[in-house]
Amino acid sequence: MKSKFTSNIADRLDRAMVAADTSMTRSAAQRLIESGHVWVNGARADRARHAINIGDVIEVNIPPTASAI
C-alpha cells in the first residue's frame, strides 16, 4: 500500500510520519525508513533523523506483511 502526504510539521522524519498517521508507531516508521520504503521529495530517505520541513512530500510504500519490514 502506498501512502503520500505533505508534512505539516518541521521535525524528524519518523516523528512526521507518526504525526500524519497516528496508528503508526515511531519504531514502525523507523523500520520502514531503514528498509528503504520511504521517500522525501522524490529522494529515498535512509535515516529516521532526516530533517523534515513543513510542505515536504513524504511517500511511504508499506509492504503487505509486517514480516517484510
Protein backbone atom coordinates (compact mmCIF):
# COMPACT_ATOMS: atom_id res chain seq x y z
CA MET A 1 0.00 0.00 0.00
CA LYS A 2 1.34 3.41 -0.94
CA SER A 3 0.71 6.49 1.10
CA LYS A 4 1.62 10.05 0.18
CA PHE A 5 1.24 13.13 2.33
CA THR A 6 2.60 16.62 2.86
CA SER A 7 4.25 17.29 6.21
CA ASN A 8 2.59 19.87 8.40
CA ILE A 9 5.40 19.91 10.97
CA ALA A 10 9.14 20.58 10.89
CA ASP A 11 10.72 17.67 12.76
CA ARG A 12 12.44 14.31 12.28
CA LEU A 13 11.09 12.09 9.50
CA ASP A 14 9.92 9.34 11.86
CA ARG A 15 8.02 11.84 14.01
CA ALA A 16 6.43 13.45 10.94
CA MET A 17 5.24 10.03 9.78
CA VAL A 18 3.63 9.30 13.16
CA ALA A 19 2.02 12.75 13.21
CA ALA A 20 0.44 12.05 9.81
CA ASP A 21 -0.69 8.50 10.69
CA THR A 22 -1.49 8.13 14.38
CA SER A 23 -1.93 4.36 14.00
CA MET A 24 1.79 4.05 13.18
CA THR A 25 4.37 3.72 15.94
CA ARG A 26 7.69 5.50 15.76
CA SER A 27 9.56 2.20 15.75
CA ALA A 28 7.46 1.00 12.77
CA ALA A 29 8.23 4.26 10.97
CA GLN A 30 11.95 3.78 11.67
CA ARG A 31 11.86 0.21 10.28
CA LEU A 32 10.14 1.40 7.10
CA ILE A 33 12.74 4.14 6.64
CA GLU A 34 15.70 1.82 7.28
CA SER A 35 14.22 -0.76 4.88
CA GLY A 36 14.09 1.76 2.03
CA HIS A 37 10.30 2.16 1.88
CA VAL A 38 10.21 5.95 2.41
CA TRP A 39 10.92 8.86 0.04
CA VAL A 40 11.07 12.58 0.83
CA ASN A 41 10.55 14.99 -2.06
CA GLY A 42 11.30 12.16 -4.51
CA ALA A 43 14.57 11.02 -2.87
CA ARG A 44 14.86 7.83 -0.83
CA ALA A 45 15.24 8.55 2.88
CA ASP A 46 17.78 6.44 4.73
CA ARG A 47 17.69 7.85 8.26
CA ALA A 48 14.83 8.36 10.72
CA ARG A 49 16.52 11.55 11.90
CA HIS A 50 16.21 13.08 8.41
CA ALA A 51 15.08 16.70 8.92
CA ILE A 52 11.62 17.40 7.53
CA ASN A 53 10.27 20.85 6.75
CA ILE A 54 6.68 21.97 6.51
CA GLY A 55 5.47 21.23 3.00
CA ASP A 56 7.85 18.33 2.30
CA VAL A 57 6.18 15.48 0.41
CA ILE A 58 6.62 12.11 2.09
CA GLU A 59 5.82 8.88 0.25
CA VAL A 60 5.63 5.56 2.09
CA ASN A 61 5.35 2.14 0.47
CA ILE A 62 4.01 -0.14 3.21
CA PRO A 63 4.69 -3.82 2.46
CA PRO A 64 1.68 -6.18 2.60
CA THR A 65 3.02 -8.03 5.65
CA ALA A 66 4.82 -6.85 8.76
CA SER A 67 7.47 -9.53 8.23
CA ALA A 68 8.58 -7.71 5.05
CA ILE A 69 9.98 -4.90 7.20
